[in-house]
């Protein structure tokens, strides 16, 4: 099971930028993720932004290895690759 560490790098009235580190027994990967406050409110079901980012990475890791996750992206981009993301994340 991978360890997912989420750090807030910056936050503004429009959204925030996070650094996500995914570690497993053999290596780690780092990812820079942008998320608007509106997107967070739409899908997070009361989770903090950091909790929601972590849950989103749990979703991604259930679909692909950490090395396949983009190094930098806007969180809604996940739906481009996994159209079921928004429906599934509401249940997690």
PDB file of N, CA and C in Angstrom:
ATOM      1  N   UNK A   1       0.840  -1.185   0.000  1.00  0.00           N
ATOM      2  CA  UNK A   1       0.000   0.000   0.000  1.00  0.00           C
ATOM      3  C   UNK A   1       0.880   1.242   0.000  1.00  0.00           C
ATOM      4  N   UNK A   2       0.568   2.148  -0.884  1.00  0.00           N
ATOM      5  CA  UNK A   2       1.354   3.365  -1.004  1.00  0.00           C
ATOM      6  C   UNK A   2       0.973   4.375   0.073  1.00  0.00           C
ATOM      7  N   UNK A   3       1.956   5.141   0.484  1.00  0.00           N
ATOM      8  CA  UNK A   3       1.724   6.257   1.395  1.00  0.00           C
ATOM      9  C   UNK A   3       1.552   7.511   0.549  1.00  0.00           C
ATOM     10  N   UNK A   4       0.516   8.285   0.833  1.00  0.00           N
ATOM     11  CA  UNK A   4       0.221   9.493   0.073  1.00  0.00           C
ATOM     12  C   UNK A   4       0.336  10.680   1.014  1.00  0.00           C
ATOM     13  N   UNK A   5       1.247  11.602   0.689  1.00  0.00           N
ATOM     14  CA  UNK A   5       1.481  12.783   1.513  1.00  0.00           C
ATOM     15  C   UNK A   5       1.083  14.015   0.697  1.00  0.00           C
ATOM     16  N   UNK A   6       0.180  14.828   1.244  1.00  0.00           N
ATOM     17  CA  UNK A   6      -0.321  16.007   0.544  1.00  0.00           C
ATOM     18  C   UNK A   6       0.114  17.252   1.310  1.00  0.00           C
ATOM     19  N   UNK A   7       0.766  18.166   0.600  1.00  0.00           N
ATOM     20  CA  UNK A   7       1.177  19.444   1.182  1.00  0.00           C
ATOM     21  C   UNK A   7       0.583  20.572   0.354  1.00  0.00           C
ATOM     22  N   UNK A   8       0.042  21.588   1.009  1.00  0.00           N
ATOM     23  CA  UNK A   8      -0.460  22.759   0.305  1.00  0.00           C
ATOM     24  C   UNK A   8       0.708  23.694   0.022  1.00  0.00           C
ATOM     25  N   UNK A   9       0.947  23.985  -1.256  1.00  0.00           N
ATOM     26  CA  UNK A   9       2.044  24.881  -1.628  1.00  0.00           C
ATOM     27  C   UNK A   9       1.591  26.330  -1.644  1.00  0.00           C
ATOM     28  N   UNK A  10       0.388  26.580  -2.149  1.00  0.00           N
ATOM     29  CA  UNK A  10      -0.147  27.941  -2.152  1.00  0.00           C
ATOM     30  C   UNK A  10      -1.663  27.875  -2.253  1.00  0.00           C
ATOM     31  N   UNK A  11      -2.290  28.940  -1.800  1.00  0.00           N
ATOM     32  CA  UNK A  11      -3.741  29.016  -1.839  1.00  0.00           C
ATOM     33  C   UNK A  11      -4.139  30.450  -2.142  1.00  0.00           C
ATOM     34  N   UNK A  12      -5.174  30.610  -2.960  1.00  0.00           N
ATOM     35  CA  UNK A  12      -5.689  31.934  -3.285  1.00  0.00           C
ATOM     36  C   UNK A  12      -7.203  31.873  -3.267  1.00  0.00           C
ATOM     37  N   UNK A  13      -7.838  32.960  -3.619  1.00  0.00           N
ATOM     38  CA  UNK A  13      -9.301  32.980  -3.612  1.00  0.00           C
ATOM     39  C   UNK A  13      -9.886  32.033  -4.655  1.00  0.00           C
ATOM     40  N   UNK A  14      -9.117  31.708  -5.695  1.00  0.00           N
ATOM     41  CA  UNK A  14      -9.616  30.831  -6.744  1.00  0.00           C
ATOM     42  C   UNK A  14      -9.378  29.359  -6.515  1.00  0.00           C
ATOM     43  N   UNK A  15      -8.335  29.024  -5.766  1.00  0.00           N
ATOM     44  CA  UNK A  15      -8.008  27.617  -5.563  1.00  0.00           C
ATOM     45  C   UNK A  15      -6.671  27.439  -4.873  1.00  0.00           C
ATOM     46  N   UNK A  16      -6.110  26.253  -5.041  1.00  0.00           N
ATOM     47  CA  UNK A  16      -4.857  25.947  -4.355  1.00  0.00           C
ATOM     48  C   UNK A  16      -3.992  25.035  -5.221  1.00  0.00           C
ATOM     49  N   UNK A  17      -2.709  25.027  -4.889  1.00  0.00           N
ATOM     50  CA  UNK A  17      -1.737  24.142  -5.530  1.00  0.00           C
ATOM     51  C   UNK A  17      -1.160  23.245  -4.443  1.00  0.00           C
ATOM     52  N   UNK A  18      -1.089  21.957  -4.741  1.00  0.00           N
ATOM     53  CA  UNK A  18      -0.634  20.958  -3.781  1.00  0.00           C
ATOM     54  C   UNK A  18       0.552  20.196  -4.339  1.00  0.00           C
ATOM     55  N   UNK A  19       1.435  19.784  -3.452  1.00  0.00           N
ATOM     56  CA  UNK A  19       2.478  18.825  -3.801  1.00  0.00           C
ATOM     57  C   UNK A  19       2.061  17.499  -3.188  1.00  0.00           C
ATOM     58  N   UNK A  20       2.016  16.468  -4.021  1.00  0.00           N
ATOM     59  CA  UNK A  20       1.629  15.141  -3.561  1.00  0.00           C
ATOM     60  C   UNK A  20       2.814  14.211  -3.761  1.00  0.00           C
ATOM     61  N   UNK A  21       3.216  13.548  -2.685  1.00  0.00           N
ATOM     62  CA  UNK A  21       4.280  12.552  -2.742  1.00  0.00           C
ATOM     63  C   UNK A  21       3.645  11.193  -2.519  1.00  0.00           C
ATOM     64  N   UNK A  22       3.931  10.271  -3.428  1.00  0.00           N
ATOM     65  CA  UNK A  22       3.433   8.902  -3.309  1.00  0.00           C
ATOM     66  C   UNK A  22       4.641   8.006  -3.092  1.00  0.00           C
ATOM     67  N   UNK A  23       4.654   7.327  -1.956  1.00  0.00           N
ATOM     68  CA  UNK A  23       5.779   6.451  -1.597  1.00  0.00           C
ATOM     69  C   UNK A  23       5.302   5.015  -1.473  1.00  0.00           C
ATOM     70  N   UNK A  24       6.130   4.100  -1.983  1.00  0.00           N
ATOM     71  CA  UNK A  24       5.902   2.679  -1.700  1.00  0.00           C
ATOM     72  C   UNK A  24       7.219   2.089  -1.235  1.00  0.00           C
ATOM     73  N   UNK A  25       7.286   0.780  -1.186  1.00  0.00           N
ATOM     74  CA  UNK A  25       8.474   0.122  -0.624  1.00  0.00           C
ATOM     75  C   UNK A  25       9.737   0.395  -1.435  1.00  0.00           C
ATOM     76  N   UNK A  26       9.581   0.682  -2.729  1.00  0.00           N
ATOM     77  CA  UNK A  26      10.757   0.774  -3.589  1.00  0.00           C
ATOM     78  C   UNK A  26      11.117   2.174  -4.065  1.00  0.00           C
ATOM     79  N   UNK A  27      10.134   3.078  -4.144  1.00  0.00           N
ATOM     80  CA  UNK A  27      10.431   4.399  -4.703  1.00  0.00           C
ATOM     81  C   UNK A  27       9.333   5.395  -4.327  1.00  0.00           C
ATOM     82  N   UNK A  28       9.491   6.616  -4.826  1.00  0.00           N
ATOM     83  CA  UNK A  28       8.470   7.635  -4.606  1.00  0.00           C
ATOM     84  C   UNK A  28       8.307   8.456  -5.874  1.00  0.00           C
ATOM     85  N   UNK A  29       7.154   9.087  -5.995  1.00  0.00           N
ATOM     86  CA  UNK A  29       6.903  10.011  -7.097  1.00  0.00           C
ATOM     87  C   UNK A  29       6.332  11.295  -6.510  1.00  0.00           C
ATOM     88  N   UNK A  30       6.545  12.400  -7.218  1.00  0.00           N
ATOM     89  CA  UNK A  30       6.028  13.699  -6.768  1.00  0.00           C
ATOM     90  C   UNK A  30       5.160  14.281  -7.869  1.00  0.00           C
ATOM     91  N   UNK A  31       4.077  14.942  -7.431  1.00  0.00           N
ATOM     92  CA  UNK A  31       3.104  15.479  -8.364  1.00  0.00           C
ATOM     93  C   UNK A  31       2.647  16.844  -7.870  1.00  0.00           C
ATOM     94  N   UNK A  32       2.474  17.783  -8.801  1.00  0.00           N
ATOM     95  CA  UNK A  32       1.953  19.113  -8.478  1.00  0.00           C
ATOM     96  C   UNK A  32       0.528  19.172  -9.042  1.00  0.00           C
ATOM     97  N   UNK A  33      -0.431  19.439  -8.153  1.00  0.00           N
ATOM     98  CA  UNK A  33      -1.845  19.375  -8.518  1.00  0.00           C
ATOM     99  C   UNK A  33      -2.529  20.698  -8.188  1.00  0.00           C
ATOM    100  N   UNK A  34      -3.288  21.206  -9.150  1.00  0.00           N
ATOM    101  CA  UNK A  34      -4.068  22.424  -8.951  1.00  0.00           C
ATOM    102  C   UNK A  34      -5.543  22.049  -8.818  1.00  0.00           C
ATOM    103  N   UNK A  35      -6.233  22.727  -7.896  1.00  0.00           N
ATOM    104  CA  UNK A  35      -7.659  22.475  -7.707  1.00  0.00           C
ATOM    105  C   UNK A  35      -8.353  23.784  -7.339  1.00  0.00           C
ATOM    106  N   UNK A  36      -9.440  24.084  -8.055  1.00  0.00           N
ATOM    107  CA  UNK A  36     -10.214  25.283  -7.726  1.00  0.00           C
ATOM    108  C   UNK A  36     -11.093  25.002  -6.509  1.00  0.00           C
ATOM    109  N   UNK A  37     -11.447  26.070  -5.811  1.00  0.00           N
ATOM    110  CA  UNK A  37     -12.353  25.923  -4.666  1.00  0.00           C
ATOM    111  C   UNK A  37     -13.712  25.411  -5.133  1.00  0.00           C
ATOM    112  N   UNK A  38     -14.159  25.868  -6.311  1.00  0.00           N
ATOM    113  CA  UNK A  38     -15.453  25.420  -6.837  1.00  0.00           C
ATOM    114  C   UNK A  38     -15.465  23.911  -7.080  1.00  0.00           C
ATOM    115  N   UNK A  39     -14.380  23.387  -7.655  1.00  0.00           N
ATOM    116  CA  UNK A  39     -14.311  21.943  -7.920  1.00  0.00           C
ATOM    117  C   UNK A  39     -14.313  21.160  -6.605  1.00  0.00           C
ATOM    118  N   UNK A  40     -13.583  21.659  -5.624  1.00  0.00           N
ATOM    119  CA  UNK A  40     -13.556  21.029  -4.306  1.00  0.00           C
ATOM    120  C   UNK A  40     -14.963  20.996  -3.710  1.00  0.00           C
ATOM    121  N   UNK A  41     -15.658  22.123  -3.734  1.00  0.00           N
ATOM    122  CA  UNK A  41     -17.004  22.199  -3.162  1.00  0.00           C
ATOM    123  C   UNK A  41     -17.967  21.252  -3.882  1.00  0.00           C
ATOM    124  N   UNK A  42     -17.807  21.118  -5.182  1.00  0.00           N
ATOM    125  CA  UNK A  42     -18.701  20.298  -5.994  1.00  0.00           C
ATOM    126  C   UNK A  42     -18.623  18.811  -5.633  1.00  0.00           C
ATOM    127  N   UNK A  43     -17.424  18.327  -5.279  1.00  0.00           N
ATOM    128  CA  UNK A  43     -17.228  16.879  -5.163  1.00  0.00           C
ATOM    129  C   UNK A  43     -16.760  16.358  -3.814  1.00  0.00           C
ATOM    130  N   UNK A  44     -16.292  17.203  -2.911  1.00  0.00           N
ATOM    131  CA  UNK A  44     -15.549  16.727  -1.739  1.00  0.00           C
ATOM    132  C   UNK A  44     -16.408  16.169  -0.609  1.00  0.00           C
ATOM    133  N   UNK A  45     -17.700  16.430  -0.601  1.00  0.00           N
ATOM    134  CA  UNK A  45     -18.573  15.900   0.460  1.00  0.00           C
ATOM    135  C   UNK A  45     -18.027  16.147   1.864  1.00  0.00           C
ATOM    136  N   UNK A  46     -17.570  17.378   2.117  1.00  0.00           N
ATOM    137  CA  UNK A  46     -17.112  17.746   3.449  1.00  0.00           C
ATOM    138  C   UNK A  46     -15.657  17.453   3.754  1.00  0.00           C
ATOM    139  N   UNK A  47     -14.940  16.811   2.839  1.00  0.00           N
ATOM    140  CA  UNK A  47     -13.509  16.564   3.063  1.00  0.00           C
ATOM    141  C   UNK A  47     -12.743  17.879   2.937  1.00  0.00           C
ATOM    142  N   UNK A  48     -11.668  18.002   3.696  1.00  0.00           N
ATOM    143  CA  UNK A  48     -10.776  19.145   3.517  1.00  0.00           C
ATOM    144  C   UNK A  48     -10.135  19.030   2.135  1.00  0.00           C
ATOM    145  N   UNK A  49      -9.586  20.118   1.608  1.00  0.00           N
ATOM    146  CA  UNK A  49      -8.907  20.015   0.310  1.00  0.00           C
ATOM    147  C   UNK A  49      -7.813  18.941   0.307  1.00  0.00           C
ATOM    148  N   UNK A  50      -7.043  18.880   1.390  1.00  0.00           N
ATOM    149  CA  UNK A  50      -5.965  17.883   1.452  1.00  0.00           C
ATOM    150  C   UNK A  50      -6.524  16.463   1.476  1.00  0.00           C
ATOM    151  N   UNK A  51      -7.584  16.235   2.226  1.00  0.00           N
ATOM    152  CA  UNK A  51      -8.214  14.912   2.261  1.00  0.00           C
ATOM    153  C   UNK A  51      -8.774  14.537   0.893  1.00  0.00           C
ATOM    154  N   UNK A  52      -9.353  15.520   0.206  1.00  0.00           N
ATOM    155  CA  UNK A  52      -9.925  15.260  -1.107  1.00  0.00           C
ATOM    156  C   UNK A  52      -8.845  14.927  -2.132  1.00  0.00           C
ATOM    157  N   UNK A  53      -7.724  15.640  -2.083  1.00  0.00           N
ATOM    158  CA  UNK A  53      -6.598  15.327  -2.978  1.00  0.00           C
ATOM    159  C   UNK A  53      -6.099  13.915  -2.687  1.00  0.00           C
ATOM    160  N   UNK A  54      -5.951  13.565  -1.422  1.00  0.00           N
ATOM    161  CA  UNK A  54      -5.488  12.223  -1.056  1.00  0.00           C
ATOM    162  C   UNK A  54      -6.455  11.162  -1.586  1.00  0.00           C
ATOM    163  N   UNK A  55      -7.746  11.374  -1.411  1.00  0.00           N
ATOM    164  CA  UNK A  55      -8.742  10.420  -1.908  1.00  0.00           C
ATOM    165  C   UNK A  55      -8.668  10.312  -3.432  1.00  0.00           C
ATOM    166  N   UNK A  56      -8.438  11.432  -4.097  1.00  0.00           N
ATOM    167  CA  UNK A  56      -8.306  11.417  -5.554  1.00  0.00           C
ATOM    168  C   UNK A  56      -7.102  10.583  -5.984  1.00  0.00           C
ATOM    169  N   UNK A  57      -6.016  10.665  -5.225  1.00  0.00           N
ATOM    170  CA  UNK A  57      -4.841   9.849  -5.543  1.00  0.00           C
ATOM    171  C   UNK A  57      -5.092   8.375  -5.221  1.00  0.00           C
ATOM    172  N   UNK A  58      -5.870   8.087  -4.206  1.00  0.00           N
ATOM    173  CA  UNK A  58      -6.244   6.696  -3.942  1.00  0.00           C
ATOM    174  C   UNK A  58      -7.017   6.136  -5.139  1.00  0.00           C
ATOM    175  N   UNK A  59      -7.915   6.944  -5.688  1.00  0.00           N
ATOM    176  CA  UNK A  59      -8.646   6.551  -6.896  1.00  0.00           C
ATOM    177  C   UNK A  59      -7.662   6.283  -8.032  1.00  0.00           C
ATOM    178  N   UNK A  60      -6.757   7.239  -8.291  1.00  0.00           N
ATOM    179  CA  UNK A  60      -5.791   7.072  -9.380  1.00  0.00           C
ATOM    180  C   UNK A  60      -4.945   5.816  -9.206  1.00  0.00           C
ATOM    181  N   UNK A  61      -4.484   5.582  -7.984  1.00  0.00           N
ATOM    182  CA  UNK A  61      -3.619   4.425  -7.732  1.00  0.00           C
ATOM    183  C   UNK A  61      -4.377   3.105  -7.875  1.00  0.00           C
ATOM    184  N   UNK A  62      -5.693   3.133  -7.781  1.00  0.00           N
ATOM    185  CA  UNK A  62      -6.481   1.918  -8.017  1.00  0.00           C
ATOM    186  C   UNK A  62      -6.578   1.625  -9.509  1.00  0.00           C
ATOM    187  N   UNK A  63      -6.222   2.611 -10.344  1.00  0.00           N
ATOM    188  CA  UNK A  63      -6.326   2.483 -11.793  1.00  0.00           C
ATOM    189  C   UNK A  63      -4.989   2.324 -12.501  1.00  0.00           C
ATOM    190  N   UNK A  64      -3.926   2.876 -11.893  1.00  0.00           N
ATOM    191  CA  UNK A  64      -2.626   2.886 -12.568  1.00  0.00           C
ATOM    192  C   UNK A  64      -1.496   3.030 -11.553  1.00  0.00           C
ATOM    193  N   UNK A  65      -0.281   2.638 -11.943  1.00  0.00           N
ATOM    194  CA  UNK A  65       0.857   2.803 -11.019  1.00  0.00           C
ATOM    195  C   UNK A  65       1.215   4.281 -10.865  1.00  0.00           C
ATOM    196  N   UNK A  66       1.868   4.602  -9.774  1.00  0.00           N
ATOM    197  CA  UNK A  66       2.216   5.999  -9.488  1.00  0.00           C
ATOM    198  C   UNK A  66       3.059   6.613 -10.597  1.00  0.00           C
ATOM    199  N   UNK A  67       3.873   5.814 -11.255  1.00  0.00           N
ATOM    200  CA  UNK A  67       4.741   6.311 -12.325  1.00  0.00           C
ATOM    201  C   UNK A  67       3.938   6.773 -13.548  1.00  0.00           C
ATOM    202  N   UNK A  68       2.696   6.326 -13.664  1.00  0.00           N
ATOM    203  CA  UNK A  68       1.854   6.720 -14.800  1.00  0.00           C
ATOM    204  C   UNK A  68       1.057   7.998 -14.534  1.00  0.00           C
ATOM    205  N   UNK A  69       1.034   8.448 -13.293  1.00  0.00           N
ATOM    206  CA  UNK A  69       0.300   9.660 -12.943  1.00  0.00           C
ATOM    207  C   UNK A  69       1.107  10.880 -13.407  1.00  0.00           C
ATOM    208  N   UNK A  70       0.428  11.808 -14.050  1.00  0.00           N
ATOM    209  CA  UNK A  70       1.107  13.008 -14.549  1.00  0.00           C
ATOM    210  C   UNK A  70       1.837  13.729 -13.418  1.00  0.00           C
ATOM    211  N   UNK A  71       2.962  14.341 -13.738  1.00  0.00           N
ATOM    212  CA  UNK A  71       3.735  15.037 -12.702  1.00  0.00           C
ATOM    213  C   UNK A  71       3.100  16.377 -12.322  1.00  0.00           C
ATOM    214  N   UNK A  72       2.286  16.940 -13.229  1.00  0.00           N
ATOM    215  CA  UNK A  72       1.614  18.204 -12.939  1.00  0.00           C
ATOM    216  C   UNK A  72       0.289  18.234 -13.696  1.00  0.00           C
ATOM    217  N   UNK A  73      -0.794  18.569 -12.997  1.00  0.00           N
ATOM    218  CA  UNK A  73      -2.102  18.605 -13.646  1.00  0.00           C
ATOM    219  C   UNK A  73      -3.134  19.320 -12.778  1.00  0.00           C
ATOM    220  N   UNK A  74      -4.225  19.726 -13.440  1.00  0.00           N
ATOM    221  CA  UNK A  74      -5.404  20.250 -12.750  1.00  0.00           C
ATOM    222  C   UNK A  74      -6.266  19.049 -12.388  1.00  0.00           C
ATOM    223  N   UNK A  75      -6.774  19.003 -11.177  1.00  0.00           N
ATOM    224  CA  UNK A  75      -7.508  17.823 -10.709  1.00  0.00           C
ATOM    225  C   UNK A  75      -8.639  17.388 -11.656  1.00  0.00           C
ATOM    226  N   UNK A  76      -9.421  18.305 -12.252  1.00  0.00           N
ATOM    227  CA  UNK A  76     -10.480  17.853 -13.165  1.00  0.00           C
ATOM    228  C   UNK A  76      -9.964  17.053 -14.364  1.00  0.00           C
ATOM    229  N   UNK A  77      -8.677  17.157 -14.668  1.00  0.00           N
ATOM    230  CA  UNK A  77      -8.072  16.417 -15.790  1.00  0.00           C
ATOM    231  C   UNK A  77      -8.234  14.911 -15.609  1.00  0.00           C
ATOM    232  N   UNK A  78      -8.368  14.446 -14.371  1.00  0.00           N
ATOM    233  CA  UNK A  78      -8.537  13.008 -14.120  1.00  0.00           C
ATOM    234  C   UNK A  78      -9.718  12.467 -14.912  1.00  0.00           C
ATOM    235  N   UNK A  79     -10.784  13.256 -15.025  1.00  0.00           N
ATOM    236  CA  UNK A  79     -11.975  12.810 -15.754  1.00  0.00           C
ATOM    237  C   UNK A  79     -11.721  12.602 -17.240  1.00  0.00           C
ATOM    238  N   UNK A  80     -10.701  13.251 -17.774  1.00  0.00           N
ATOM    239  CA  UNK A  80     -10.339  13.045 -19.175  1.00  0.00           C
ATOM    240  C   UNK A  80      -9.880  11.603 -19.399  1.00  0.00           C
ATOM    241  N   UNK A  81      -9.138  11.071 -18.441  1.00  0.00           N
ATOM    242  CA  UNK A  81      -8.605   9.719 -18.546  1.00  0.00           C
ATOM    243  C   UNK A  81      -9.548   8.678 -17.961  1.00  0.00           C
ATOM    244  N   UNK A  82     -10.287   9.077 -16.921  1.00  0.00           N
ATOM    245  CA  UNK A  82     -11.203   8.170 -16.226  1.00  0.00           C
ATOM    246  C   UNK A  82     -12.554   8.877 -16.081  1.00  0.00           C
ATOM    247  N   UNK A  83     -13.439   8.738 -17.081  1.00  0.00           N
ATOM    248  CA  UNK A  83     -14.721   9.457 -17.069  1.00  0.00           C
ATOM    249  C   UNK A  83     -15.578   9.181 -15.830  1.00  0.00           C
ATOM    250  N   UNK A  84     -15.346   8.065 -15.170  1.00  0.00           N
ATOM    251  CA  UNK A  84     -16.126   7.705 -13.984  1.00  0.00           C
ATOM    252  C   UNK A  84     -15.637   8.404 -12.719  1.00  0.00           C
ATOM    253  N   UNK A  85     -14.549   9.174 -12.807  1.00  0.00           N
ATOM    254  CA  UNK A  85     -13.920   9.755 -11.621  1.00  0.00           C
ATOM    255  C   UNK A  85     -14.898  10.540 -10.755  1.00  0.00           C
ATOM    256  N   UNK A  86     -15.619  11.488 -11.344  1.00  0.00           N
ATOM    257  CA  UNK A  86     -16.458  12.367 -10.516  1.00  0.00           C
ATOM    258  C   UNK A  86     -17.559  11.594  -9.786  1.00  0.00           C
ATOM    259  N   UNK A  87     -18.138  10.606 -10.427  1.00  0.00           N
ATOM    260  CA  UNK A  87     -19.171   9.802  -9.751  1.00  0.00           C
ATOM    261  C   UNK A  87     -18.558   8.927  -8.651  1.00  0.00           C
ATOM    262  N   UNK A  88     -17.413   8.326  -8.944  1.00  0.00           N
ATOM    263  CA  UNK A  88     -16.769   7.430  -7.987  1.00  0.00           C
ATOM    264  C   UNK A  88     -16.231   8.179  -6.778  1.00  0.00           C
ATOM    265  N   UNK A  89     -15.644   9.364  -7.009  1.00  0.00           N
ATOM    266  CA  UNK A  89     -15.016  10.088  -5.906  1.00  0.00           C
ATOM    267  C   UNK A  89     -16.052  10.531  -4.875  1.00  0.00           C
ATOM    268  N   UNK A  90     -17.274  10.775  -5.310  1.00  0.00           N
ATOM    269  CA  UNK A  90     -18.333  11.160  -4.370  1.00  0.00           C
ATOM    270  C   UNK A  90     -18.659  10.027  -3.392  1.00  0.00           C
ATOM    271  N   UNK A  91     -18.381   8.792  -3.788  1.00  0.00           N
ATOM    272  CA  UNK A  91     -18.687   7.620  -2.953  1.00  0.00           C
ATOM    273  C   UNK A  91     -17.533   7.248  -2.032  1.00  0.00           C
ATOM    274  N   UNK A  92     -16.356   7.806  -2.262  1.00  0.00           N
ATOM    275  CA  UNK A  92     -15.164   7.407  -1.506  1.00  0.00           C
ATOM    276  C   UNK A  92     -15.037   8.212  -0.215  1.00  0.00           C
TER     277      UNK A  92
END
